[in-house]
Amino acid sequence: MKKHQEADPTRVAVNILVGFFVLMSPLVIWEMSKAPSPSQVILNEALKMSFHGKVDSIYFDKHDHNAEYLLLTDGFKYPLYDYWQFRAQKGDSLAKKKGDLLVYVFKRNGTKDIFDYKELVKIYNRGSTY
């Protein structure tokens, strides 16, 4: 008669974990494929923003990877992407409507500049920050 051999608890635990990961992998991959691209995240966030104010100060946030921010007189803290760096200065006015992808920059000298989020993501998608 054949004796019943007891299963090694470690081997059982490993087999359960491997089975769990094999079963869950397709679900994780499917969920990851549904996630928006970084460009889509930038565009979605831009569409939500609405502000109008004069640039009161410019600073680099050391707690946010030294990212550049424009602090407007209305208290809005505007993150400035690398591509737009040095294109806005203290005293310039910025305006953006919710649902729009353009930021209008009215310079102190009377000229106007536009930060276009569609152009920004095209540049980032090419793999360049400039």
Foldseek 3Di string as FASTA:
>chain_A
DDDDDDDDVVVVVVVVVVVVCVVCVVVVVVVVVPDDDPLVVLVVVLLADWDKFFFQDWFFDVVVVRFIWTQGPVRDTHTDAPLCPPVHDGGWMWGDDRRAQWIWIQHPVGDIDIDGSVVCVVCVVVVHSD
